[in-house]
Amino acid sequence: MREQWQDPTQTPEARLAAAIGWLCLTDEPAPDNLRATIDDLTTDKRAHAMNALPWMAVAAPSDETGLRRCIRKMLHPEQPDPVGYDDPWA
């Protein structure tokens, strides 16, 4: 997965998926270049498009896309959910 998100010849979607996959599969701290890759590839357009996926739609609170919430939870777990968000997995 690390090779995929670091490979600029891969599509942005493949790189972002690999970066998220790497975060899901390890307890290691996220390296700076992974954070930079995620920041670069997580556009509003891509985040809204991914809300068409059922699991991303469920993860999306009212003012935050599912992708942005997932990334926030993985990279910044200390940040609270928006007020009024009812976590479907709690």
Protein backbone atom coordinates (compact mmCIF):
# COMPACT_ATOMS: atom_id res chain seq x y z
CA MET A 1 0.00 0.00 0.00
CA ARG A 2 2.84 2.36 0.82
CA GLU A 3 4.20 2.00 -2.70
CA GLN A 4 0.78 2.78 -4.20
CA TRP A 5 0.12 6.03 -2.34
CA GLN A 6 3.67 7.23 -2.99
CA ASP A 7 3.55 6.46 -6.73
CA PRO A 8 2.70 9.60 -8.73
CA THR A 9 1.95 7.47 -11.80
CA GLN A 10 -1.10 6.00 -10.03
CA THR A 11 -4.46 7.75 -10.35
CA PRO A 12 -5.32 10.16 -7.54
CA GLU A 13 -8.20 7.89 -6.50
CA ALA A 14 -5.91 4.85 -6.29
CA ARG A 15 -3.33 6.80 -4.29
CA LEU A 16 -5.95 8.11 -1.87
CA ALA A 17 -7.48 4.65 -1.44
CA ALA A 18 -4.03 3.19 -0.76
CA ALA A 19 -3.25 5.93 1.77
CA ILE A 20 -6.51 5.31 3.63
CA GLY A 21 -5.91 1.56 3.42
CA TRP A 22 -2.45 1.99 4.92
CA LEU A 23 -3.93 4.01 7.80
CA CYS A 24 -6.50 1.26 8.42
CA LEU A 25 -3.91 -1.51 8.44
CA THR A 26 -1.30 -0.08 10.79
CA ASP A 27 -1.00 1.46 14.21
CA GLU A 28 2.15 3.30 13.17
CA PRO A 29 2.04 7.10 13.21
CA ALA A 30 1.20 8.52 9.80
CA PRO A 31 4.36 9.75 8.08
CA ASP A 32 4.44 13.37 6.96
CA ASN A 33 4.47 12.43 3.27
CA LEU A 34 1.30 10.35 3.74
CA ARG A 35 -0.41 13.29 5.44
CA ALA A 36 0.68 15.56 2.60
CA THR A 37 -0.61 13.07 0.02
CA ILE A 38 -3.98 12.85 1.75
CA ASP A 39 -4.22 16.64 2.07
CA ASP A 40 -3.37 17.05 -1.60
CA LEU A 41 -5.74 14.36 -2.90
CA THR A 42 -8.75 15.01 -0.65
CA THR A 43 -10.53 17.62 -2.72
CA ASP A 44 -14.10 18.75 -2.09
CA LYS A 45 -15.12 17.27 -5.44
CA ARG A 46 -13.62 13.87 -4.61
CA ALA A 47 -15.03 13.91 -1.06
CA HIS A 48 -18.55 14.67 -2.31
CA ALA A 49 -18.29 12.06 -5.08
CA MET A 50 -17.32 9.41 -2.51
CA ASN A 51 -20.48 10.14 -0.52
CA ALA A 52 -22.25 8.07 -3.20
CA LEU A 53 -20.66 5.01 -1.55
CA PRO A 54 -23.05 3.65 1.08
CA TRP A 55 -20.45 3.40 3.87
CA MET A 56 -19.19 6.92 3.19
CA ALA A 57 -22.73 8.29 3.24
CA VAL A 58 -23.34 6.65 6.64
CA ALA A 59 -20.09 8.13 7.97
CA ALA A 60 -21.05 11.63 6.84
CA PRO A 61 -22.40 13.97 9.49
CA SER A 62 -24.55 16.82 8.26
CA ASP A 63 -21.75 19.31 7.55
CA GLU A 64 -18.83 16.99 6.80
CA THR A 65 -18.39 14.40 4.05
CA GLY A 66 -17.74 10.80 5.00
CA LEU A 67 -14.26 10.94 3.48
CA ARG A 68 -13.29 14.03 5.46
CA ARG A 69 -14.72 12.51 8.66
CA CYS A 70 -12.82 9.25 8.13
CA ILE A 71 -9.58 11.12 7.54
CA ARG A 72 -10.19 13.37 10.56
CA LYS A 73 -10.86 10.33 12.76
CA MET A 74 -7.73 8.53 11.55
CA LEU A 75 -5.31 11.47 11.54
CA HIS A 76 -6.82 13.63 14.31
CA PRO A 77 -8.82 11.37 16.64
CA GLU A 78 -8.71 14.01 19.36
CA GLN A 79 -10.94 16.33 17.33
CA PRO A 80 -14.60 16.02 18.29
CA ASP A 81 -17.43 15.27 15.90
CA PRO A 82 -19.61 18.21 14.89
CA VAL A 83 -22.30 19.12 17.42
CA GLY A 84 -25.43 17.07 16.91
CA TYR A 85 -23.75 14.21 15.01
CA ASP A 86 -25.12 10.81 16.03
CA ASP A 87 -22.34 8.28 15.39
CA PRO A 88 -23.91 5.25 13.66
CA TRP A 89 -21.09 2.99 14.90
CA ALA A 90 -21.06 4.12 18.55
